[in-house]
Amino acid sequence: MEALQSWVSEHKLTSIGSLWASGVAASLAYSRARTPLKPSLRLIHARMHAQALTLAVLSGAAVYHYYEKHAEERRENASPNPHHLT
């Protein structure tokens, strides 16, 4: 899991672009099998679904980053300072 996290951390734009492209492909495949829409409408819907997926993942990453940062600050504040004389 840490290897995946470090790769995503180093290749943010690539991972976001890959996620978006995967979302478009999955939505196109699903809509082709399920709904009788014109190809142009399928593409519009696929783009919207991929954008929603990308926004959801980015929001989740922001929340994760926020809580990790604050958890680290809490750990630093909770640890005793060895240089502090009482």
PDB file of N, CA and C in Angstrom:
ATOM      1  N   MET A   1       0.821  -1.194   0.000  1.00  0.00           N
ATOM      2  CA  MET A   1       0.000   0.000   0.000  1.00  0.00           C
ATOM      3  C   MET A   1       0.865   1.257   0.000  1.00  0.00           C
ATOM      4  N   GLU A   2       1.974   1.201   0.742  1.00  0.00           N
ATOM      5  CA  GLU A   2       2.844   2.371   0.802  1.00  0.00           C
ATOM      6  C   GLU A   2       3.519   2.638  -0.531  1.00  0.00           C
ATOM      7  N   ALA A   3       3.804   1.581  -1.282  1.00  0.00           N
ATOM      8  CA  ALA A   3       4.411   1.767  -2.601  1.00  0.00           C
ATOM      9  C   ALA A   3       3.452   2.513  -3.526  1.00  0.00           C
ATOM     10  N   LEU A   4       2.171   2.156  -3.463  1.00  0.00           N
ATOM     11  CA  LEU A   4       1.163   2.839  -4.275  1.00  0.00           C
ATOM     12  C   LEU A   4       1.027   4.297  -3.846  1.00  0.00           C
ATOM     13  N   GLN A   5       1.007   4.538  -2.547  1.00  0.00           N
ATOM     14  CA  GLN A   5       0.903   5.910  -2.051  1.00  0.00           C
ATOM     15  C   GLN A   5       2.091   6.756  -2.469  1.00  0.00           C
ATOM     16  N   SER A   6       3.282   6.195  -2.425  1.00  0.00           N
ATOM     17  CA  SER A   6       4.460   6.977  -2.817  1.00  0.00           C
ATOM     18  C   SER A   6       4.456   7.238  -4.319  1.00  0.00           C
ATOM     19  N   TRP A   7       4.001   6.241  -5.126  1.00  0.00           N
ATOM     20  CA  TRP A   7       3.931   6.462  -6.569  1.00  0.00           C
ATOM     21  C   TRP A   7       2.928   7.563  -6.896  1.00  0.00           C
ATOM     22  N   VAL A   8       1.749   7.510  -6.277  1.00  0.00           N
ATOM     23  CA  VAL A   8       0.728   8.537  -6.521  1.00  0.00           C
ATOM     24  C   VAL A   8       1.237   9.897  -6.067  1.00  0.00           C
ATOM     25  N   SER A   9       1.946   9.930  -4.952  1.00  0.00           N
ATOM     26  CA  SER A   9       2.490  11.190  -4.456  1.00  0.00           C
ATOM     27  C   SER A   9       3.497  11.783  -5.437  1.00  0.00           C
ATOM     28  N   GLU A  10       4.283  10.939  -6.085  1.00  0.00           N
ATOM     29  CA  GLU A  10       5.282  11.420  -7.037  1.00  0.00           C
ATOM     30  C   GLU A  10       4.688  11.730  -8.410  1.00  0.00           C
ATOM     31  N   HIS A  11       3.582  11.086  -8.772  1.00  0.00           N
ATOM     32  CA  HIS A  11       2.985  11.235 -10.107  1.00  0.00           C
ATOM     33  C   HIS A  11       1.525  11.666  -9.992  1.00  0.00           C
ATOM     34  N   LYS A  12       1.292  12.799  -9.379  1.00  0.00           N
ATOM     35  CA  LYS A  12      -0.073  13.256  -9.109  1.00  0.00           C
ATOM     36  C   LYS A  12      -0.882  13.464 -10.390  1.00  0.00           C
ATOM     37  N   LEU A  13      -0.335  14.182 -11.343  1.00  0.00           N
ATOM     38  CA  LEU A  13      -1.085  14.468 -12.567  1.00  0.00           C
ATOM     39  C   LEU A  13      -1.339  13.213 -13.392  1.00  0.00           C
ATOM     40  N   THR A  14      -0.375  12.332 -13.438  1.00  0.00           N
ATOM     41  CA  THR A  14      -0.555  11.078 -14.163  1.00  0.00           C
ATOM     42  C   THR A  14      -1.652  10.236 -13.534  1.00  0.00           C
ATOM     43  N   SER A  15      -1.658  10.166 -12.211  1.00  0.00           N
ATOM     44  CA  SER A  15      -2.683   9.352 -11.542  1.00  0.00           C
ATOM     45  C   SER A  15      -4.073   9.970 -11.709  1.00  0.00           C
ATOM     46  N   ILE A  16      -4.177  11.288 -11.666  1.00  0.00           N
ATOM     47  CA  ILE A  16      -5.475  11.940 -11.866  1.00  0.00           C
ATOM     48  C   ILE A  16      -5.947  11.749 -13.305  1.00  0.00           C
ATOM     49  N   GLY A  17      -5.051  11.917 -14.250  1.00  0.00           N
ATOM     50  CA  GLY A  17      -5.402  11.710 -15.657  1.00  0.00           C
ATOM     51  C   GLY A  17      -5.805  10.275 -15.945  1.00  0.00           C
ATOM     52  N   SER A  18      -5.101   9.336 -15.355  1.00  0.00           N
ATOM     53  CA  SER A  18      -5.449   7.918 -15.532  1.00  0.00           C
ATOM     54  C   SER A  18      -6.808   7.603 -14.932  1.00  0.00           C
ATOM     55  N   LEU A  19      -7.076   8.163 -13.776  1.00  0.00           N
ATOM     56  CA  LEU A  19      -8.375   7.962 -13.141  1.00  0.00           C
ATOM     57  C   LEU A  19      -9.488   8.537 -14.006  1.00  0.00           C
ATOM     58  N   TRP A  20      -9.274   9.722 -14.544  1.00  0.00           N
ATOM     59  CA  TRP A  20     -10.278  10.362 -15.394  1.00  0.00           C
ATOM     60  C   TRP A  20     -10.529   9.531 -16.653  1.00  0.00           C
ATOM     61  N   ALA A  21      -9.450   9.088 -17.309  1.00  0.00           N
ATOM     62  CA  ALA A  21      -9.591   8.284 -18.521  1.00  0.00           C
ATOM     63  C   ALA A  21     -10.287   6.957 -18.223  1.00  0.00           C
ATOM     64  N   SER A  22      -9.969   6.352 -17.092  1.00  0.00           N
ATOM     65  CA  SER A  22     -10.634   5.103 -16.699  1.00  0.00           C
ATOM     66  C   SER A  22     -12.117   5.335 -16.450  1.00  0.00           C
ATOM     67  N   GLY A  23     -12.443   6.464 -15.840  1.00  0.00           N
ATOM     68  CA  GLY A  23     -13.846   6.800 -15.602  1.00  0.00           C
ATOM     69  C   GLY A  23     -14.614   6.989 -16.894  1.00  0.00           C
ATOM     70  N   VAL A  24     -13.995   7.661 -17.865  1.00  0.00           N
ATOM     71  CA  VAL A  24     -14.645   7.851 -19.169  1.00  0.00           C
ATOM     72  C   VAL A  24     -14.863   6.497 -19.839  1.00  0.00           C
ATOM     73  N   ALA A  25     -13.844   5.652 -19.851  1.00  0.00           N
ATOM     74  CA  ALA A  25     -13.953   4.347 -20.500  1.00  0.00           C
ATOM     75  C   ALA A  25     -15.011   3.471 -19.832  1.00  0.00           C
ATOM     76  N   ALA A  26     -15.028   3.457 -18.514  1.00  0.00           N
ATOM     77  CA  ALA A  26     -16.012   2.641 -17.803  1.00  0.00           C
ATOM     78  C   ALA A  26     -17.434   3.148 -18.046  1.00  0.00           C
ATOM     79  N   SER A  27     -17.604   4.444 -18.037  1.00  0.00           N
ATOM     80  CA  SER A  27     -18.933   5.004 -18.261  1.00  0.00           C
ATOM     81  C   SER A  27     -19.407   4.752 -19.691  1.00  0.00           C
ATOM     82  N   LEU A  28     -18.506   4.877 -20.656  1.00  0.00           N
ATOM     83  CA  LEU A  28     -18.868   4.583 -22.046  1.00  0.00           C
ATOM     84  C   LEU A  28     -19.258   3.118 -22.211  1.00  0.00           C
ATOM     85  N   ALA A  29     -18.496   2.237 -21.606  1.00  0.00           N
ATOM     86  CA  ALA A  29     -18.806   0.807 -21.705  1.00  0.00           C
ATOM     87  C   ALA A  29     -20.151   0.493 -21.057  1.00  0.00           C
ATOM     88  N   TYR A  30     -20.392   1.079 -19.898  1.00  0.00           N
ATOM     89  CA  TYR A  30     -21.656   0.831 -19.203  1.00  0.00           C
ATOM     90  C   TYR A  30     -22.838   1.380 -19.997  1.00  0.00           C
ATOM     91  N   SER A  31     -22.722   2.610 -20.479  1.00  0.00           N
ATOM     92  CA  SER A  31     -23.845   3.221 -21.189  1.00  0.00           C
ATOM     93  C   SER A  31     -24.085   2.558 -22.543  1.00  0.00           C
ATOM     94  N   ARG A  32     -23.054   2.048 -23.160  1.00  0.00           N
ATOM     95  CA  ARG A  32     -23.222   1.357 -24.437  1.00  0.00           C
ATOM     96  C   ARG A  32     -24.029   0.072 -24.251  1.00  0.00           C
ATOM     97  N   ALA A  33     -23.805  -0.599 -23.142  1.00  0.00           N
ATOM     98  CA  ALA A  33     -24.497  -1.855 -22.890  1.00  0.00           C
ATOM     99  C   ALA A  33     -25.910  -1.642 -22.346  1.00  0.00           C
ATOM    100  N   ARG A  34     -26.174  -0.519 -21.705  1.00  0.00           N
ATOM    101  CA  ARG A  34     -27.432  -0.329 -20.986  1.00  0.00           C
ATOM    102  C   ARG A  34     -28.434   0.617 -21.639  1.00  0.00           C
ATOM    103  N   THR A  35     -27.961   1.674 -22.280  1.00  0.00           N
ATOM    104  CA  THR A  35     -28.888   2.700 -22.762  1.00  0.00           C
ATOM    105  C   THR A  35     -28.752   2.929 -24.256  1.00  0.00           C
ATOM    106  N   PRO A  36     -29.857   3.154 -24.936  1.00  0.00           N
ATOM    107  CA  PRO A  36     -29.807   3.414 -26.383  1.00  0.00           C
ATOM    108  C   PRO A  36     -29.649   4.905 -26.688  1.00  0.00           C
ATOM    109  N   LEU A  37     -28.514   5.477 -26.331  1.00  0.00           N
ATOM    110  CA  LEU A  37     -28.260   6.898 -26.586  1.00  0.00           C
ATOM    111  C   LEU A  37     -27.375   7.071 -27.810  1.00  0.00           C
ATOM    112  N   LYS A  38     -27.420   8.272 -28.355  1.00  0.00           N
ATOM    113  CA  LYS A  38     -26.505   8.613 -29.443  1.00  0.00           C
ATOM    114  C   LYS A  38     -25.077   8.619 -28.891  1.00  0.00           C
ATOM    115  N   PRO A  39     -24.100   8.351 -29.746  1.00  0.00           N
ATOM    116  CA  PRO A  39     -22.701   8.373 -29.280  1.00  0.00           C
ATOM    117  C   PRO A  39     -22.284   9.716 -28.675  1.00  0.00           C
ATOM    118  N   SER A  40     -22.793  10.812 -29.217  1.00  0.00           N
ATOM    119  CA  SER A  40     -22.417  12.122 -28.664  1.00  0.00           C
ATOM    120  C   SER A  40     -22.950  12.284 -27.241  1.00  0.00           C
ATOM    121  N   LEU A  41     -24.163  11.809 -26.984  1.00  0.00           N
ATOM    122  CA  LEU A  41     -24.713  11.894 -25.630  1.00  0.00           C
ATOM    123  C   LEU A  41     -23.981  10.955 -24.676  1.00  0.00           C
ATOM    124  N   ARG A  42     -23.605   9.786 -25.166  1.00  0.00           N
ATOM    125  CA  ARG A  42     -22.825   8.858 -24.330  1.00  0.00           C
ATOM    126  C   ARG A  42     -21.512   9.497 -23.907  1.00  0.00           C
ATOM    127  N   LEU A  43     -20.872  10.182 -24.846  1.00  0.00           N
ATOM    128  CA  LEU A  43     -19.594  10.828 -24.540  1.00  0.00           C
ATOM    129  C   LEU A  43     -19.767  11.958 -23.529  1.00  0.00           C
ATOM    130  N   ILE A  44     -20.812  12.727 -23.670  1.00  0.00           N
ATOM    131  CA  ILE A  44     -21.085  13.809 -22.704  1.00  0.00           C
ATOM    132  C   ILE A  44     -21.332  13.229 -21.319  1.00  0.00           C
ATOM    133  N   HIS A  45     -22.141  12.183 -21.235  1.00  0.00           N
ATOM    134  CA  HIS A  45     -22.419  11.558 -19.938  1.00  0.00           C
ATOM    135  C   HIS A  45     -21.163  10.937 -19.346  1.00  0.00           C
ATOM    136  N   ALA A  46     -20.374  10.299 -20.194  1.00  0.00           N
ATOM    137  CA  ALA A  46     -19.138   9.682 -19.717  1.00  0.00           C
ATOM    138  C   ALA A  46     -18.190  10.729 -19.153  1.00  0.00           C
ATOM    139  N   ARG A  47     -18.082  11.866 -19.821  1.00  0.00           N
ATOM    140  CA  ARG A  47     -17.218  12.945 -19.335  1.00  0.00           C
ATOM    141  C   ARG A  47     -17.700  13.471 -17.987  1.00  0.00           C
ATOM    142  N   MET A  48     -19.003  13.634 -17.863  1.00  0.00           N
ATOM    143  CA  MET A  48     -19.563  14.125 -16.591  1.00  0.00           C
ATOM    144  C   MET A  48     -19.328  13.124 -15.470  1.00  0.00           C
ATOM    145  N   HIS A  49     -19.511  11.835 -15.741  1.00  0.00           N
ATOM    146  CA  HIS A  49     -19.272  10.814 -14.715  1.00  0.00           C
ATOM    147  C   HIS A  49     -17.796  10.792 -14.307  1.00  0.00           C
ATOM    148  N   ALA A  50     -16.908  10.895 -15.296  1.00  0.00           N
ATOM    149  CA  ALA A  50     -15.478  10.887 -14.995  1.00  0.00           C
ATOM    150  C   ALA A  50     -15.082  12.117 -14.177  1.00  0.00           C
ATOM    151  N   GLN A  51     -15.653  13.255 -14.481  1.00  0.00           N
ATOM    152  CA  GLN A  51     -15.346  14.458 -13.707  1.00  0.00           C
ATOM    153  C   GLN A  51     -15.859  14.334 -12.275  1.00  0.00           C
ATOM    154  N   ALA A  52     -17.032  13.762 -12.111  1.00  0.00           N
ATOM    155  CA  ALA A  52     -17.570  13.563 -10.757  1.00  0.00           C
ATOM    156  C   ALA A  52     -16.681  12.605  -9.969  1.00  0.00           C
ATOM    157  N   LEU A  53     -16.235  11.535 -10.612  1.00  0.00           N
ATOM    158  CA  LEU A  53     -15.344  10.586  -9.951  1.00  0.00           C
ATOM    159  C   LEU A  53     -14.032  11.258  -9.557  1.00  0.00           C
ATOM    160  N   THR A  54     -13.472  12.051 -10.463  1.00  0.00           N
ATOM    161  CA  THR A  54     -12.218  12.749 -10.185  1.00  0.00           C
ATOM    162  C   THR A  54     -12.384  13.731  -9.028  1.00  0.00           C
ATOM    163  N   LEU A  55     -13.466  14.470  -9.016  1.00  0.00           N
ATOM    164  CA  LEU A  55     -13.711  15.401  -7.906  1.00  0.00           C
ATOM    165  C   LEU A  55     -13.876  14.668  -6.581  1.00  0.00           C
ATOM    166  N   ALA A  56     -14.553  13.541  -6.603  1.00  0.00           N
ATOM    167  CA  ALA A  56     -14.731  12.760  -5.379  1.00  0.00           C
ATOM    168  C   ALA A  56     -13.385  12.257  -4.850  1.00  0.00           C
ATOM    169  N   VAL A  57     -12.545  11.766  -5.738  1.00  0.00           N
ATOM    170  CA  VAL A  57     -11.236  11.267  -5.316  1.00  0.00           C
ATOM    171  C   VAL A  57     -10.354  12.414  -4.815  1.00  0.00           C
ATOM    172  N   LEU A  58     -10.365  13.538  -5.514  1.00  0.00           N
ATOM    173  CA  LEU A  58      -9.572  14.682  -5.060  1.00  0.00           C
ATOM    174  C   LEU A  58     -10.057  15.200  -3.705  1.00  0.00           C
ATOM    175  N   SER A  59     -11.366  15.215  -3.506  1.00  0.00           N
ATOM    176  CA  SER A  59     -11.918  15.637  -2.211  1.00  0.00           C
ATOM    177  C   SER A  59     -11.493  14.669  -1.117  1.00  0.00           C
ATOM    178  N   GLY A  60     -11.568  13.391  -1.410  1.00  0.00           N
ATOM    179  CA  GLY A  60     -11.128  12.387  -0.437  1.00  0.00           C
ATOM    180  C   GLY A  60      -9.652  12.524  -0.112  1.00  0.00           C
ATOM    181  N   ALA A  61      -8.832  12.787  -1.114  1.00  0.00           N
ATOM    182  CA  ALA A  61      -7.400  12.972  -0.885  1.00  0.00           C
ATOM    183  C   ALA A  61      -7.134  14.215  -0.040  1.00  0.00           C
ATOM    184  N   ALA A  62      -7.898  15.273  -0.274  1.00  0.00           N
ATOM    185  CA  ALA A  62      -7.732  16.500   0.520  1.00  0.00           C
ATOM    186  C   ALA A  62      -8.108  16.253   1.980  1.00  0.00           C
ATOM    187  N   VAL A  63      -9.196  15.541   2.199  1.00  0.00           N
ATOM    188  CA  VAL A  63      -9.616  15.230   3.573  1.00  0.00           C
ATOM    189  C   VAL A  63      -8.572  14.346   4.248  1.00  0.00           C
ATOM    190  N   TYR A  64      -8.077  13.345   3.526  1.00  0.00           N
ATOM    191  CA  TYR A  64      -7.042  12.456   4.072  1.00  0.00           C
ATOM    192  C   TYR A  64      -5.797  13.250   4.438  1.00  0.00           C
ATOM    193  N   HIS A  65      -5.362  14.142   3.560  1.00  0.00           N
ATOM    194  CA  HIS A  65      -4.180  14.966   3.819  1.00  0.00           C
ATOM    195  C   HIS A  65      -4.399  15.860   5.041  1.00  0.00           C
ATOM    196  N   TYR A  66      -5.577  16.445   5.142  1.00  0.00           N
ATOM    197  CA  TYR A  66      -5.896  17.323   6.264  1.00  0.00           C
ATOM    198  C   TYR A  66      -5.814  16.556   7.590  1.00  0.00           C
ATOM    199  N   TYR A  67      -6.437  15.384   7.648  1.00  0.00           N
ATOM    200  CA  TYR A  67      -6.435  14.616   8.888  1.00  0.00           C
ATOM    201  C   TYR A  67      -5.062  14.044   9.207  1.00  0.00           C
ATOM    202  N   GLU A  68      -4.291  13.653   8.216  1.00  0.00           N
ATOM    203  CA  GLU A  68      -2.936  13.172   8.454  1.00  0.00           C
ATOM    204  C   GLU A  68      -2.065  14.289   9.017  1.00  0.00           C
ATOM    205  N   LYS A  69      -2.198  15.493   8.472  1.00  0.00           N
ATOM    206  CA  LYS A  69      -1.400  16.620   8.944  1.00  0.00           C
ATOM    207  C   LYS A  69      -1.744  16.945  10.396  1.00  0.00           C
ATOM    208  N   HIS A  70      -3.036  16.956  10.718  1.00  0.00           N
ATOM    209  CA  HIS A  70      -3.439  17.273  12.088  1.00  0.00           C
ATOM    210  C   HIS A  70      -3.117  16.137  13.054  1.00  0.00           C
ATOM    211  N   ALA A  71      -3.146  14.903  12.586  1.00  0.00           N
ATOM    212  CA  ALA A  71      -2.755  13.786  13.457  1.00  0.00           C
ATOM    213  C   ALA A  71      -1.266  13.873  13.773  1.00  0.00           C
ATOM    214  N   GLU A  72      -0.466  14.273  12.796  1.00  0.00           N
ATOM    215  CA  GLU A  72       0.963  14.437  13.021  1.00  0.00           C
ATOM    216  C   GLU A  72       1.226  15.559  14.023  1.00  0.00           C
ATOM    217  N   GLU A  73       0.490  16.658  13.900  1.00  0.00           N
ATOM    218  CA  GLU A  73       0.654  17.769  14.845  1.00  0.00           C
ATOM    219  C   GLU A  73       0.258  17.345  16.256  1.00  0.00           C
ATOM    220  N   ARG A  74      -0.810  16.552  16.372  1.00  0.00           N
ATOM    221  CA  ARG A  74      -1.230  16.066  17.698  1.00  0.00           C
ATOM    222  C   ARG A  74      -0.175  15.145  18.298  1.00  0.00           C
ATOM    223  N   ARG A  75       0.437  14.300  17.473  1.00  0.00           N
ATOM    224  CA  ARG A  75       1.489  13.403  17.983  1.00  0.00           C
ATOM    225  C   ARG A  75       2.689  14.217  18.455  1.00  0.00           C
ATOM    226  N   GLU A  76       3.038  15.272  17.716  1.00  0.00           N
ATOM    227  CA  GLU A  76       4.169  16.113  18.115  1.00  0.00           C
ATOM    228  C   GLU A  76       3.875  16.849  19.414  1.00  0.00           C
ATOM    229  N   ASN A  77       2.661  17.321  19.594  1.00  0.00           N
ATOM    230  CA  ASN A  77       2.295  18.048  20.813  1.00  0.00           C
ATOM    231  C   ASN A  77       2.161  17.116  22.004  1.00  0.00           C
ATOM    232  N   ALA A  78       1.815  15.865  21.768  1.00  0.00           N
ATOM    233  CA  ALA A  78       1.619  14.925  22.867  1.00  0.00           C
ATOM    234  C   ALA A  78       2.933  14.336  23.355  1.00  0.00           C
ATOM    235  N   SER A  79       3.952  14.286  22.529  1.00  0.00           N
ATOM    236  CA  SER A  79       5.216  13.685  22.928  1.00  0.00           C
ATOM    237  C   SER A  79       5.957  14.643  23.864  1.00  0.00           C
ATOM    238  N   PRO A  80       6.547  14.081  24.900  1.00  0.00           N
ATOM    239  CA  PRO A  80       7.277  14.944  25.842  1.00  0.00           C
ATOM    240  C   PRO A  80       8.547  15.487  25.197  1.00  0.00           C
ATOM    241  N   ASN A  81       8.871  16.707  25.564  1.00  0.00           N
ATOM    242  CA  ASN A  81      10.067  17.366  25.028  1.00  0.00           C
ATOM    243  C   ASN A  81      11.245  16.994  25.917  1.00  0.00           C
ATOM    244  N   PRO A  82      12.225  16.246  25.427  1.00  0.00           N
ATOM    245  CA  PRO A  82      13.347  15.826  26.285  1.00  0.00           C
ATOM    246  C   PRO A  82      14.262  16.972  26.671  1.00  0.00           C
ATOM    247  N   HIS A  83      14.211  18.082  25.956  1.00  0.00           N
ATOM    248  CA  HIS A  83      15.087  19.217  26.263  1.00  0.00           C
ATOM    249  C   HIS A  83      14.453  20.187  27.254  1.00  0.00           C
ATOM    250  N   HIS A  84      13.222  19.944  27.606  1.00  0.00           N
ATOM    251  CA  HIS A  84      12.516  20.847  28.517  1.00  0.00           C
ATOM    252  C   HIS A  84      12.856  20.487  29.957  1.00  0.00           C
ATOM    253  N   LEU A  85      13.377  21.443  30.699  1.00  0.00           N
ATOM    254  CA  LEU A  85      13.732  21.198  32.098  1.00  0.00           C
ATOM    255  C   LEU A  85      12.576  21.620  32.991  1.00  0.00           C
ATOM    256  N   THR A  86      12.288  20.808  33.979  1.00  0.00           N
ATOM    257  CA  THR A  86      11.207  21.143  34.907  1.00  0.00           C
ATOM    258  C   THR A  86      11.734  21.681  36.199  1.00  0.00           C
TER     259      THR A  86
END
